[in-house]
C-alpha cells in the first residue's frame, strides 16, 4: 500500500526520546534556578538583619564594649563593639578621639554569613 500518510513507529519513538531529553534538561534548569532564588532570598534576609543591627549600633550616643548575639526570624546574629586598633586608627588618641569598631553579622539558613563593619570616632 503506497501513498499512506503518517509516521512509522521508529519515527514516533525518536520523537518521544527527543521530547523526553528536552523535558529532562528543562526540569533541571528550572530546579537550579529555583534553588538559586531561594539562596538569594535567604542571603537578602541576612543582609537586611545585619544592616538593621548595624544601624542600631551606629545610633548609640556613647559606644562601649559590647558582645551580644541571638536568633531573630530564624536567623542567627551577633553584634560587637570594640576599640579599633588597626593602623589608621591608632593615631586617633593623639587627636583626643576614641575609635570604635562596630560589627554586625547574620547567618542565613543555608549557612552563609553576612558581616558588616563600621568605625566610629568619639570624644573620650
PDB file of N, CA and C in Angstrom:
ATOM      1  N   UNK A   1       0.833  -1.158   0.000  1.00  0.00           N
ATOM      2  CA  UNK A   1       0.000   0.000   0.000  1.00  0.00           C
ATOM      3  C   UNK A   1       0.882   1.226   0.000  1.00  0.00           C
ATOM      4  N   UNK A   2       0.994   1.809  -1.071  1.00  0.00           N
ATOM      5  CA  UNK A   2       1.796   3.018  -1.194  1.00  0.00           C
ATOM      6  C   UNK A   2       0.905   4.231  -1.075  1.00  0.00           C
ATOM      7  N   UNK A   3       1.544   5.362  -0.715  1.00  0.00           N
ATOM      8  CA  UNK A   3       0.806   6.603  -0.617  1.00  0.00           C
ATOM      9  C   UNK A   3       0.115   6.816   0.721  1.00  0.00           C
ATOM     10  N   UNK A   4       0.365   5.952   1.706  1.00  0.00           N
ATOM     11  CA  UNK A   4      -0.227   6.169   3.020  1.00  0.00           C
ATOM     12  C   UNK A   4       0.542   7.265   3.751  1.00  0.00           C
ATOM     13  N   UNK A   5      -0.204   8.107   4.457  1.00  0.00           N
ATOM     14  CA  UNK A   5       0.415   9.182   5.218  1.00  0.00           C
ATOM     15  C   UNK A   5       0.487   8.766   6.679  1.00  0.00           C
ATOM     16  N   UNK A   6       1.454   9.390   7.410  1.00  0.00           N
ATOM     17  CA  UNK A   6       1.587   9.106   8.841  1.00  0.00           C
ATOM     18  C   UNK A   6       3.027   8.858   9.204  1.00  0.00           C
ATOM     19  N   UNK A   7       3.235   8.536  10.455  1.00  0.00           N
ATOM     20  CA  UNK A   7       4.576   8.296  10.969  1.00  0.00           C
ATOM     21  C   UNK A   7       4.758   6.820  11.223  1.00  0.00           C
ATOM     22  N   UNK A   8       5.986   6.393  11.038  1.00  0.00           N
ATOM     23  CA  UNK A   8       6.286   4.999  11.380  1.00  0.00           C
ATOM     24  C   UNK A   8       6.528   4.920  12.883  1.00  0.00           C
ATOM     25  N   UNK A   9       6.552   3.727  13.380  1.00  0.00           N
ATOM     26  CA  UNK A   9       6.780   3.524  14.816  1.00  0.00           C
ATOM     27  C   UNK A   9       8.165   4.027  15.214  1.00  0.00           C
ATOM     28  N   UNK A  10       9.157   3.843  14.384  1.00  0.00           N
ATOM     29  CA  UNK A  10      10.529   4.294  14.678  1.00  0.00           C
ATOM     30  C   UNK A  10      10.559   5.818  14.771  1.00  0.00           C
ATOM     31  N   UNK A  11       9.889   6.497  13.878  1.00  0.00           N
ATOM     32  CA  UNK A  11       9.844   7.972  13.909  1.00  0.00           C
ATOM     33  C   UNK A  11       9.165   8.455  15.195  1.00  0.00           C
ATOM     34  N   UNK A  12       8.102   7.781  15.604  1.00  0.00           N
ATOM     35  CA  UNK A  12       7.409   8.164  16.831  1.00  0.00           C
ATOM     36  C   UNK A  12       8.295   7.965  18.055  1.00  0.00           C
ATOM     37  N   UNK A  13       9.020   6.848  18.104  1.00  0.00           N
ATOM     38  CA  UNK A  13       9.911   6.593  19.233  1.00  0.00           C
ATOM     39  C   UNK A  13      11.042   7.619  19.298  1.00  0.00           C
ATOM     40  N   UNK A  14      11.590   7.985  18.142  1.00  0.00           N
ATOM     41  CA  UNK A  14      12.647   9.003  18.101  1.00  0.00           C
ATOM     42  C   UNK A  14      12.115  10.347  18.578  1.00  0.00           C
ATOM     43  N   UNK A  15      10.941  10.727  18.158  1.00  0.00           N
ATOM     44  CA  UNK A  15      10.349  11.996  18.570  1.00  0.00           C
ATOM     45  C   UNK A  15      10.090  11.999  20.081  1.00  0.00           C
ATOM     46  N   UNK A  16       9.604  10.889  20.637  1.00  0.00           N
ATOM     47  CA  UNK A  16       9.363  10.805  22.076  1.00  0.00           C
ATOM     48  C   UNK A  16      10.679  10.855  22.869  1.00  0.00           C
ATOM     49  N   UNK A  17      11.721  10.221  22.353  1.00  0.00           N
ATOM     50  CA  UNK A  17      13.019  10.245  23.031  1.00  0.00           C
ATOM     51  C   UNK A  17      13.581  11.670  23.070  1.00  0.00           C
ATOM     52  N   UNK A  18      13.484  12.382  21.958  1.00  0.00           N
ATOM     53  CA  UNK A  18      13.967  13.771  21.905  1.00  0.00           C
ATOM     54  C   UNK A  18      13.149  14.647  22.855  1.00  0.00           C
ATOM     55  N   UNK A  19      11.842  14.472  22.862  1.00  0.00           N
ATOM     56  CA  UNK A  19      10.974  15.229  23.750  1.00  0.00           C
ATOM     57  C   UNK A  19      11.326  14.952  25.216  1.00  0.00           C
ATOM     58  N   UNK A  20      11.597  13.699  25.542  1.00  0.00           N
ATOM     59  CA  UNK A  20      11.991  13.341  26.913  1.00  0.00           C
ATOM     60  C   UNK A  20      13.294  14.007  27.324  1.00  0.00           C
ATOM     61  N   UNK A  21      14.276  14.048  26.420  1.00  0.00           N
ATOM     62  CA  UNK A  21      15.546  14.711  26.722  1.00  0.00           C
ATOM     63  C   UNK A  21      15.348  16.207  26.961  1.00  0.00           C
ATOM     64  N   UNK A  22      14.572  16.844  26.110  1.00  0.00           N
ATOM     65  CA  UNK A  22      14.320  18.278  26.250  1.00  0.00           C
ATOM     66  C   UNK A  22      13.606  18.571  27.573  1.00  0.00           C
ATOM     67  N   UNK A  23      12.616  17.764  27.934  1.00  0.00           N
ATOM     68  CA  UNK A  23      11.905  17.960  29.193  1.00  0.00           C
ATOM     69  C   UNK A  23      12.818  17.735  30.399  1.00  0.00           C
ATOM     70  N   UNK A  24      13.672  16.743  30.328  1.00  0.00           N
ATOM     71  CA  UNK A  24      14.605  16.468  31.429  1.00  0.00           C
ATOM     72  C   UNK A  24      15.562  17.619  31.661  1.00  0.00           C
ATOM     73  N   UNK A  25      16.117  18.169  30.586  1.00  0.00           N
ATOM     74  CA  UNK A  25      17.021  19.310  30.711  1.00  0.00           C
ATOM     75  C   UNK A  25      16.272  20.521  31.244  1.00  0.00           C
ATOM     76  N   UNK A  26      15.058  20.739  30.781  1.00  0.00           N
ATOM     77  CA  UNK A  26      14.262  21.885  31.238  1.00  0.00           C
ATOM     78  C   UNK A  26      13.972  21.795  32.727  1.00  0.00           C
ATOM     79  N   UNK A  27      13.639  20.609  33.220  1.00  0.00           N
ATOM     80  CA  UNK A  27      13.348  20.435  34.639  1.00  0.00           C
ATOM     81  C   UNK A  27      14.595  20.729  35.470  1.00  0.00           C
ATOM     82  N   UNK A  28      15.755  20.286  35.032  1.00  0.00           N
ATOM     83  CA  UNK A  28      16.999  20.559  35.758  1.00  0.00           C
ATOM     84  C   UNK A  28      17.300  22.050  35.799  1.00  0.00           C
ATOM     85  N   UNK A  29      17.122  22.731  34.698  1.00  0.00           N
ATOM     86  CA  UNK A  29      17.396  24.170  34.648  1.00  0.00           C
ATOM     87  C   UNK A  29      16.447  24.920  35.573  1.00  0.00           C
ATOM     88  N   UNK A  30      15.167  24.594  35.509  1.00  0.00           N
ATOM     89  CA  UNK A  30      14.196  25.273  36.360  1.00  0.00           C
ATOM     90  C   UNK A  30      14.415  24.961  37.837  1.00  0.00           C
ATOM     91  N   UNK A  31      14.788  23.743  38.151  1.00  0.00           N
ATOM     92  CA  UNK A  31      15.076  23.381  39.539  1.00  0.00           C
ATOM     93  C   UNK A  31      16.286  24.124  40.073  1.00  0.00           C
ATOM     94  N   UNK A  32      17.311  24.266  39.257  1.00  0.00           N
ATOM     95  CA  UNK A  32      18.509  25.004  39.673  1.00  0.00           C
ATOM     96  C   UNK A  32      18.218  26.475  39.898  1.00  0.00           C
ATOM     97  N   UNK A  33      17.393  27.065  39.049  1.00  0.00           N
ATOM     98  CA  UNK A  33      17.078  28.485  39.234  1.00  0.00           C
ATOM     99  C   UNK A  33      16.188  28.689  40.454  1.00  0.00           C
ATOM    100  N   UNK A  34      15.342  27.733  40.785  1.00  0.00           N
ATOM    101  CA  UNK A  34      14.523  27.847  41.998  1.00  0.00           C
ATOM    102  C   UNK A  34      15.412  27.788  43.240  1.00  0.00           C
ATOM    103  N   UNK A  35      16.413  26.898  43.237  1.00  0.00           N
ATOM    104  CA  UNK A  35      17.350  26.826  44.359  1.00  0.00           C
ATOM    105  C   UNK A  35      18.141  28.124  44.495  1.00  0.00           C
ATOM    106  N   UNK A  36      18.586  28.670  43.372  1.00  0.00           N
ATOM    107  CA  UNK A  36      19.342  29.929  43.401  1.00  0.00           C
ATOM    108  C   UNK A  36      18.483  31.074  43.928  1.00  0.00           C
ATOM    109  N   UNK A  37      17.220  31.098  43.555  1.00  0.00           N
ATOM    110  CA  UNK A  37      16.319  32.154  44.035  1.00  0.00           C
ATOM    111  C   UNK A  37      16.120  32.034  45.545  1.00  0.00           C
ATOM    112  N   UNK A  38      15.989  30.831  46.054  1.00  0.00           N
ATOM    113  CA  UNK A  38      15.846  30.633  47.499  1.00  0.00           C
ATOM    114  C   UNK A  38      17.088  31.059  48.259  1.00  0.00           C
ATOM    115  N   UNK A  39      18.261  30.739  47.728  1.00  0.00           N
ATOM    116  CA  UNK A  39      19.515  31.147  48.374  1.00  0.00           C
ATOM    117  C   UNK A  39      19.667  32.658  48.364  1.00  0.00           C
ATOM    118  N   UNK A  40      19.275  33.286  47.272  1.00  0.00           N
ATOM    119  CA  UNK A  40      19.351  34.748  47.185  1.00  0.00           C
ATOM    120  C   UNK A  40      18.404  35.385  48.183  1.00  0.00           C
ATOM    121  N   UNK A  41      17.224  34.829  48.338  1.00  0.00           N
ATOM    122  CA  UNK A  41      16.247  35.364  49.283  1.00  0.00           C
ATOM    123  C   UNK A  41      16.778  35.263  50.710  1.00  0.00           C
ATOM    124  N   UNK A  42      17.353  34.116  51.092  1.00  0.00           N
ATOM    125  CA  UNK A  42      17.849  33.959  52.462  1.00  0.00           C
ATOM    126  C   UNK A  42      19.057  34.851  52.720  1.00  0.00           C
ATOM    127  N   UNK A  43      19.917  35.034  51.721  1.00  0.00           N
ATOM    128  CA  UNK A  43      21.056  35.947  51.886  1.00  0.00           C
ATOM    129  C   UNK A  43      20.557  37.386  52.007  1.00  0.00           C
ATOM    130  N   UNK A  44      19.512  37.734  51.293  1.00  0.00           N
ATOM    131  CA  UNK A  44      18.935  39.078  51.387  1.00  0.00           C
ATOM    132  C   UNK A  44      18.340  39.331  52.765  1.00  0.00           C
ATOM    133  N   UNK A  45      17.713  38.318  53.349  1.00  0.00           N
ATOM    134  CA  UNK A  45      17.159  38.456  54.697  1.00  0.00           C
ATOM    135  C   UNK A  45      18.280  38.656  55.710  1.00  0.00           C
ATOM    136  N   UNK A  46      19.376  37.910  55.562  1.00  0.00           N
ATOM    137  CA  UNK A  46      20.515  38.058  56.469  1.00  0.00           C
ATOM    138  C   UNK A  46      21.140  39.441  56.323  1.00  0.00           C
ATOM    139  N   UNK A  47      21.243  39.927  55.097  1.00  0.00           N
ATOM    140  CA  UNK A  47      21.802  41.259  54.868  1.00  0.00           C
ATOM    141  C   UNK A  47      20.930  42.335  55.511  1.00  0.00           C
ATOM    142  N   UNK A  48      19.622  42.230  55.353  1.00  0.00           N
ATOM    143  CA  UNK A  48      18.710  43.212  55.938  1.00  0.00           C
ATOM    144  C   UNK A  48      18.812  43.203  57.466  1.00  0.00           C
ATOM    145  N   UNK A  49      18.933  42.019  58.055  1.00  0.00           N
ATOM    146  CA  UNK A  49      19.051  41.922  59.504  1.00  0.00           C
ATOM    147  C   UNK A  49      20.353  42.564  59.983  1.00  0.00           C
ATOM    148  N   UNK A  50      21.458  42.255  59.309  1.00  0.00           N
ATOM    149  CA  UNK A  50      22.753  42.838  59.693  1.00  0.00           C
ATOM    150  C   UNK A  50      22.741  44.356  59.517  1.00  0.00           C
ATOM    151  N   UNK A  51      22.138  44.858  58.452  1.00  0.00           N
ATOM    152  CA  UNK A  51      22.060  46.305  58.240  1.00  0.00           C
ATOM    153  C   UNK A  51      21.253  46.975  59.348  1.00  0.00           C
ATOM    154  N   UNK A  52      20.157  46.369  59.737  1.00  0.00           N
ATOM    155  CA  UNK A  52      19.336  46.925  60.806  1.00  0.00           C
ATOM    156  C   UNK A  52      20.081  46.979  62.131  1.00  0.00           C
ATOM    157  N   UNK A  53      20.800  45.905  62.446  1.00  0.00           N
ATOM    158  CA  UNK A  53      21.548  45.871  63.699  1.00  0.00           C
ATOM    159  C   UNK A  53      22.696  46.873  63.673  1.00  0.00           C
ATOM    160  N   UNK A  54      23.380  47.003  62.537  1.00  0.00           N
ATOM    161  CA  UNK A  54      24.472  47.969  62.443  1.00  0.00           C
ATOM    162  C   UNK A  54      23.944  49.395  62.584  1.00  0.00           C
ATOM    163  N   UNK A  55      22.775  49.666  62.034  1.00  0.00           N
ATOM    164  CA  UNK A  55      22.173  50.996  62.179  1.00  0.00           C
ATOM    165  C   UNK A  55      21.884  51.301  63.644  1.00  0.00           C
ATOM    166  N   UNK A  56      21.431  50.299  64.391  1.00  0.00           N
ATOM    167  CA  UNK A  56      21.185  50.495  65.824  1.00  0.00           C
ATOM    168  C   UNK A  56      22.489  50.792  66.549  1.00  0.00           C
ATOM    169  N   UNK A  57      23.554  50.039  66.229  1.00  0.00           N
ATOM    170  CA  UNK A  57      24.850  50.277  66.861  1.00  0.00           C
ATOM    171  C   UNK A  57      25.368  51.681  66.549  1.00  0.00           C
ATOM    172  N   UNK A  58      25.188  52.103  65.295  1.00  0.00           N
ATOM    173  CA  UNK A  58      25.659  53.425  64.890  1.00  0.00           C
ATOM    174  C   UNK A  58      24.865  54.547  65.555  1.00  0.00           C
ATOM    175  N   UNK A  59      23.651  54.288  65.985  1.00  0.00           N
ATOM    176  CA  UNK A  59      22.815  55.329  66.581  1.00  0.00           C
ATOM    177  C   UNK A  59      23.082  55.521  68.077  1.00  0.00           C
ATOM    178  N   UNK A  60      23.895  54.662  68.679  1.00  0.00           N
ATOM    179  CA  UNK A  60      24.182  54.797  70.104  1.00  0.00           C
ATOM    180  C   UNK A  60      24.931  56.098  70.372  1.00  0.00           C
ATOM    181  N   UNK A  61      24.540  56.795  71.431  1.00  0.00           N
ATOM    182  CA  UNK A  61      25.194  58.064  71.768  1.00  0.00           C
ATOM    183  C   UNK A  61      26.638  57.859  72.192  1.00  0.00           C
ATOM    184  N   UNK A  62      26.878  56.942  73.077  1.00  0.00           N
ATOM    185  CA  UNK A  62      28.225  56.702  73.589  1.00  0.00           C
ATOM    186  C   UNK A  62      28.551  55.219  73.464  1.00  0.00           C
ATOM    187  N   UNK A  63      29.309  54.832  72.447  1.00  0.00           N
ATOM    188  CA  UNK A  63      29.653  53.413  72.297  1.00  0.00           C
ATOM    189  C   UNK A  63      30.461  52.909  73.493  1.00  0.00           C
ATOM    190  N   UNK A  64      30.267  51.673  73.837  1.00  0.00           N
ATOM    191  CA  UNK A  64      31.013  50.990  74.894  1.00  0.00           C
ATOM    192  C   UNK A  64      31.184  49.546  74.456  1.00  0.00           C
ATOM    193  N   UNK A  65      32.193  48.855  74.983  1.00  0.00           N
ATOM    194  CA  UNK A  65      32.376  47.459  74.579  1.00  0.00           C
ATOM    195  C   UNK A  65      31.089  46.649  74.738  1.00  0.00           C
ATOM    196  N   UNK A  66      30.812  45.859  73.721  1.00  0.00           N
ATOM    197  CA  UNK A  66      29.566  45.103  73.678  1.00  0.00           C
ATOM    198  C   UNK A  66      29.791  43.835  72.877  1.00  0.00           C
ATOM    199  N   UNK A  67      29.202  42.740  73.307  1.00  0.00           N
ATOM    200  CA  UNK A  67      29.215  41.490  72.540  1.00  0.00           C
ATOM    201  C   UNK A  67      27.912  40.770  72.865  1.00  0.00           C
ATOM    202  N   UNK A  68      27.003  40.735  71.918  1.00  0.00           N
ATOM    203  CA  UNK A  68      25.711  40.089  72.139  1.00  0.00           C
ATOM    204  C   UNK A  68      25.314  39.325  70.886  1.00  0.00           C
ATOM    205  N   UNK A  69      24.479  38.314  71.081  1.00  0.00           N
ATOM    206  CA  UNK A  69      24.034  37.506  69.943  1.00  0.00           C
ATOM    207  C   UNK A  69      22.643  36.978  70.237  1.00  0.00           C
ATOM    208  N   UNK A  70      22.016  36.431  69.211  1.00  0.00           N
ATOM    209  CA  UNK A  70      20.690  35.879  69.382  1.00  0.00           C
ATOM    210  C   UNK A  70      20.159  35.308  68.077  1.00  0.00           C
ATOM    211  N   UNK A  71      18.879  34.997  68.086  1.00  0.00           N
ATOM    212  CA  UNK A  71      18.195  34.474  66.903  1.00  0.00           C
ATOM    213  C   UNK A  71      16.968  35.342  66.666  1.00  0.00           C
ATOM    214  N   UNK A  72      16.818  35.809  65.436  1.00  0.00           N
ATOM    215  CA  UNK A  72      15.687  36.662  65.080  1.00  0.00           C
ATOM    216  C   UNK A  72      15.144  36.189  63.734  1.00  0.00           C
ATOM    217  N   UNK A  73      13.871  35.882  63.684  1.00  0.00           N
ATOM    218  CA  UNK A  73      13.218  35.381  62.462  1.00  0.00           C
ATOM    219  C   UNK A  73      13.960  34.181  61.876  1.00  0.00           C
ATOM    220  N   UNK A  74      14.477  33.322  62.734  1.00  0.00           N
ATOM    221  CA  UNK A  74      15.170  32.121  62.290  1.00  0.00           C
ATOM    222  C   UNK A  74      16.603  32.354  61.839  1.00  0.00           C
ATOM    223  N   UNK A  75      17.121  33.576  61.979  1.00  0.00           N
ATOM    224  CA  UNK A  75      18.485  33.901  61.571  1.00  0.00           C
ATOM    225  C   UNK A  75      19.338  34.186  62.806  1.00  0.00           C
ATOM    226  N   UNK A  76      20.519  33.585  62.874  1.00  0.00           N
ATOM    227  CA  UNK A  76      21.445  33.868  63.963  1.00  0.00           C
ATOM    228  C   UNK A  76      22.128  35.202  63.692  1.00  0.00           C
ATOM    229  N   UNK A  77      22.344  36.001  64.745  1.00  0.00           N
ATOM    230  CA  UNK A  77      23.025  37.273  64.587  1.00  0.00           C
ATOM    231  C   UNK A  77      23.981  37.495  65.745  1.00  0.00           C
ATOM    232  N   UNK A  78      24.966  38.378  65.504  1.00  0.00           N
ATOM    233  CA  UNK A  78      25.933  38.756  66.542  1.00  0.00           C
ATOM    234  C   UNK A  78      26.338  40.204  66.305  1.00  0.00           C
ATOM    235  N   UNK A  79      26.324  40.995  67.381  1.00  0.00           N
ATOM    236  CA  UNK A  79      26.749  42.391  67.340  1.00  0.00           C
ATOM    237  C   UNK A  79      27.925  42.561  68.294  1.00  0.00           C
ATOM    238  N   UNK A  80      28.927  43.336  67.865  1.00  0.00           N
ATOM    239  CA  UNK A  80      30.071  43.618  68.727  1.00  0.00           C
ATOM    240  C   UNK A  80      30.484  45.080  68.573  1.00  0.00           C
ATOM    241  N   UNK A  81      30.891  45.668  69.682  1.00  0.00           N
ATOM    242  CA  UNK A  81      31.532  46.978  69.679  1.00  0.00           C
ATOM    243  C   UNK A  81      32.836  46.803  70.442  1.00  0.00           C
ATOM    244  N   UNK A  82      33.942  47.221  69.831  1.00  0.00           N
ATOM    245  CA  UNK A  82      35.242  47.089  70.477  1.00  0.00           C
ATOM    246  C   UNK A  82      36.141  48.220  70.001  1.00  0.00           C
ATOM    247  N   UNK A  83      37.196  48.518  70.758  1.00  0.00           N
ATOM    248  CA  UNK A  83      38.109  49.573  70.305  1.00  0.00           C
ATOM    249  C   UNK A  83      38.746  49.194  68.970  1.00  0.00           C
ATOM    250  N   UNK A  84      38.854  50.166  68.081  1.00  0.00           N
ATOM    251  CA  UNK A  84      39.503  49.935  66.787  1.00  0.00           C
ATOM    252  C   UNK A  84      41.001  50.125  66.977  1.00  0.00           C
ATOM    253  N   UNK A  85      41.760  49.062  66.759  1.00  0.00           N
ATOM    254  CA  UNK A  85      43.205  49.117  66.995  1.00  0.00           C
ATOM    255  C   UNK A  85      44.013  49.002  65.708  1.00  0.00           C
ATOM    256  N   UNK A  86      43.354  49.052  64.569  1.00  0.00           N
ATOM    257  CA  UNK A  86      44.068  48.945  63.302  1.00  0.00           C
ATOM    258  C   UNK A  86      44.904  50.212  63.069  1.00  0.00           C
ATOM    259  N   UNK A  87      45.898  50.083  62.224  1.00  0.00           N
ATOM    260  CA  UNK A  87      46.864  51.163  61.982  1.00  0.00           C
ATOM    261  C   UNK A  87      46.232  52.528  61.702  1.00  0.00           C
ATOM    262  N   UNK A  88      45.230  52.669  60.871  1.00  0.00           N
ATOM    263  CA  UNK A  88      44.741  54.030  60.621  1.00  0.00           C
ATOM    264  C   UNK A  88      44.134  54.694  61.850  1.00  0.00           C
ATOM    265  N   UNK A  89      43.720  53.890  62.834  1.00  0.00           N
ATOM    266  CA  UNK A  89      43.010  54.452  63.984  1.00  0.00           C
ATOM    267  C   UNK A  89      43.878  54.578  65.226  1.00  0.00           C
ATOM    268  N   UNK A  90      45.115  54.152  65.166  1.00  0.00           N
ATOM    269  CA  UNK A  90      45.982  54.261  66.334  1.00  0.00           C
ATOM    270  C   UNK A  90      46.328  55.715  66.629  1.00  0.00           C
ATOM    271  N   UNK A  91      46.269  56.575  65.629  1.00  0.00           N
ATOM    272  CA  UNK A  91      46.572  57.990  65.830  1.00  0.00           C
ATOM    273  C   UNK A  91      45.359  58.777  66.312  1.00  0.00           C
ATOM    274  N   UNK A  92      44.210  58.147  66.454  1.00  0.00           N
ATOM    275  CA  UNK A  92      43.012  58.843  66.919  1.00  0.00           C
ATOM    276  C   UNK A  92      43.201  59.369  68.332  1.00  0.00           C
ATOM    277  N   UNK A  93      43.932  58.619  69.178  1.00  0.00           N
ATOM    278  CA  UNK A  93      44.166  59.049  70.558  1.00  0.00           C
ATOM    279  C   UNK A  93      44.972  60.342  70.584  1.00  0.00           C
ATOM    280  N   UNK A  94      45.910  60.508  69.666  1.00  0.00           N
ATOM    281  CA  UNK A  94      46.699  61.739  69.604  1.00  0.00           C
ATOM    282  C   UNK A  94      45.811  62.935  69.281  1.00  0.00           C
ATOM    283  N   UNK A  95      44.717  62.703  68.587  1.00  0.00           N
ATOM    284  CA  UNK A  95      43.772  63.773  68.253  1.00  0.00           C
ATOM    285  C   UNK A  95      42.651  63.843  69.294  1.00  0.00           C
ATOM    286  N   UNK A  96      42.858  63.158  70.430  1.00  0.00           N
ATOM    287  CA  UNK A  96      41.879  63.141  71.523  1.00  0.00           C
ATOM    288  C   UNK A  96      40.543  62.564  71.072  1.00  0.00           C
ATOM    289  N   UNK A  97      40.623  61.478  70.316  1.00  0.00           N
ATOM    290  CA  UNK A  97      39.434  60.769  69.856  1.00  0.00           C
ATOM    291  C   UNK A  97      39.547  59.300  70.232  1.00  0.00           C
ATOM    292  N   UNK A  98      38.432  58.654  70.405  1.00  0.00           N
ATOM    293  CA  UNK A  98      38.392  57.206  70.605  1.00  0.00           C
ATOM    294  C   UNK A  98      37.789  56.581  69.352  1.00  0.00           C
ATOM    295  N   UNK A  99      38.429  55.551  68.856  1.00  0.00           N
ATOM    296  CA  UNK A  99      37.943  54.855  67.654  1.00  0.00           C
ATOM    297  C   UNK A  99      37.301  53.539  68.074  1.00  0.00           C
ATOM    298  N   UNK A 100      36.069  53.332  67.626  1.00  0.00           N
ATOM    299  CA  UNK A 100      35.311  52.124  67.960  1.00  0.00           C
ATOM    300  C   UNK A 100      34.949  51.372  66.684  1.00  0.00           C
ATOM    301  N   UNK A 101      35.173  50.056  66.692  1.00  0.00           N
ATOM    302  CA  UNK A 101      34.759  49.208  65.578  1.00  0.00           C
ATOM    303  C   UNK A 101      33.396  48.627  65.917  1.00  0.00           C
ATOM    304  N   UNK A 102      32.439  48.832  65.014  1.00  0.00           N
ATOM    305  CA  UNK A 102      31.085  48.309  65.162  1.00  0.00           C
ATOM    306  C   UNK A 102      30.908  47.169  64.162  1.00  0.00           C
ATOM    307  N   UNK A 103      30.624  45.987  64.649  1.00  0.00           N
ATOM    308  CA  UNK A 103      30.463  44.811  63.778  1.00  0.00           C
ATOM    309  C   UNK A 103      29.087  44.201  63.980  1.00  0.00           C
ATOM    310  N   UNK A 104      28.466  43.820  62.885  1.00  0.00           N
ATOM    311  CA  UNK A 104      27.194  43.109  62.937  1.00  0.00           C
ATOM    312  C   UNK A 104      27.247  41.996  61.904  1.00  0.00           C
ATOM    313  N   UNK A 105      26.842  40.815  62.298  1.00  0.00           N
ATOM    314  CA  UNK A 105      26.801  39.703  61.343  1.00  0.00           C
ATOM    315  C   UNK A 105      25.518  38.918  61.526  1.00  0.00           C
ATOM    316  N   UNK A 106      25.077  38.323  60.435  1.00  0.00           N
ATOM    317  CA  UNK A 106      23.872  37.483  60.447  1.00  0.00           C
ATOM    318  C   UNK A 106      24.143  36.257  59.589  1.00  0.00           C
ATOM    319  N   UNK A 107      23.635  35.113  60.033  1.00  0.00           N
ATOM    320  CA  UNK A 107      23.831  33.861  59.309  1.00  0.00           C
ATOM    321  C   UNK A 107      22.526  33.429  58.673  1.00  0.00           C
ATOM    322  N   UNK A 108      22.557  33.243  57.361  1.00  0.00           N
ATOM    323  CA  UNK A 108      21.383  32.788  56.616  1.00  0.00           C
ATOM    324  C   UNK A 108      21.137  31.301  56.904  1.00  0.00           C
ATOM    325  N   UNK A 109      19.930  30.813  56.660  1.00  0.00           N
ATOM    326  CA  UNK A 109      19.627  29.395  56.911  1.00  0.00           C
ATOM    327  C   UNK A 109      20.528  28.429  56.131  1.00  0.00           C
ATOM    328  N   UNK A 110      21.039  28.868  54.981  1.00  0.00           N
ATOM    329  CA  UNK A 110      21.909  27.981  54.206  1.00  0.00           C
ATOM    330  C   UNK A 110      23.354  28.006  54.697  1.00  0.00           C
ATOM    331  N   UNK A 111      23.633  28.750  55.780  1.00  0.00           N
ATOM    332  CA  UNK A 111      24.972  28.773  56.364  1.00  0.00           C
ATOM    333  C   UNK A 111      25.824  29.961  55.967  1.00  0.00           C
ATOM    334  N   UNK A 112      25.427  30.695  54.955  1.00  0.00           N
ATOM    335  CA  UNK A 112      26.212  31.864  54.551  1.00  0.00           C
ATOM    336  C   UNK A 112      26.131  32.942  55.623  1.00  0.00           C
ATOM    337  N   UNK A 113      27.244  33.636  55.847  1.00  0.00           N
ATOM    338  CA  UNK A 113      27.312  34.676  56.862  1.00  0.00           C
ATOM    339  C   UNK A 113      27.538  36.022  56.191  1.00  0.00           C
ATOM    340  N   UNK A 114      26.740  36.999  56.603  1.00  0.00           N
ATOM    341  CA  UNK A 114      26.886  38.374  56.125  1.00  0.00           C
ATOM    342  C   UNK A 114      27.511  39.162  57.268  1.00  0.00           C
ATOM    343  N   UNK A 115      28.675  39.817  57.006  1.00  0.00           N
ATOM    344  CA  UNK A 115      29.349  40.622  58.021  1.00  0.00           C
ATOM    345  C   UNK A 115      29.434  42.065  57.551  1.00  0.00           C
ATOM    346  N   UNK A 116      29.010  42.976  58.417  1.00  0.00           N
ATOM    347  CA  UNK A 116      29.090  44.401  58.132  1.00  0.00           C
ATOM    348  C   UNK A 116      29.868  45.074  59.261  1.00  0.00           C
ATOM    349  N   UNK A 117      30.717  46.048  58.907  1.00  0.00           N
ATOM    350  CA  UNK A 117      31.516  46.750  59.897  1.00  0.00           C
ATOM    351  C   UNK A 117      31.495  48.234  59.624  1.00  0.00           C
ATOM    352  N   UNK A 118      31.701  48.979  60.694  1.00  0.00           N
ATOM    353  CA  UNK A 118      31.799  50.428  60.600  1.00  0.00           C
ATOM    354  C   UNK A 118      32.736  50.887  61.714  1.00  0.00           C
ATOM    355  N   UNK A 119      33.304  52.075  61.554  1.00  0.00           N
ATOM    356  CA  UNK A 119      34.162  52.645  62.590  1.00  0.00           C
ATOM    357  C   UNK A 119      33.568  53.977  62.988  1.00  0.00           C
ATOM    358  N   UNK A 120      33.581  54.233  64.282  1.00  0.00           N
ATOM    359  CA  UNK A 120      33.032  55.486  64.800  1.00  0.00           C
ATOM    360  C   UNK A 120      34.063  56.174  65.662  1.00  0.00           C
ATOM    361  N   UNK A 121      34.276  57.451  65.447  1.00  0.00           N
ATOM    362  CA  UNK A 121      35.187  58.230  66.265  1.00  0.00           C
ATOM    363  C   UNK A 121      34.360  59.067  67.252  1.00  0.00           C
ATOM    364  N   UNK A 122      34.775  59.031  68.516  1.00  0.00           N
ATOM    365  CA  UNK A 122      34.058  59.795  69.536  1.00  0.00           C
ATOM    366  C   UNK A 122      35.054  60.523  70.423  1.00  0.00           C
ATOM    367  N   UNK A 123      34.597  61.555  71.073  1.00  0.00           N
ATOM    368  CA  UNK A 123      35.418  62.229  72.070  1.00  0.00           C
ATOM    369  C   UNK A 123      35.410  61.392  73.345  1.00  0.00           C
ATOM    370  N   UNK A 124      36.586  61.118  73.922  1.00  0.00           N
ATOM    371  CA  UNK A 124      36.625  60.257  75.132  1.00  0.00           C
ATOM    372  C   UNK A 124      35.974  60.918  76.326  1.00  0.00           C
TER     373      UNK A 124
END
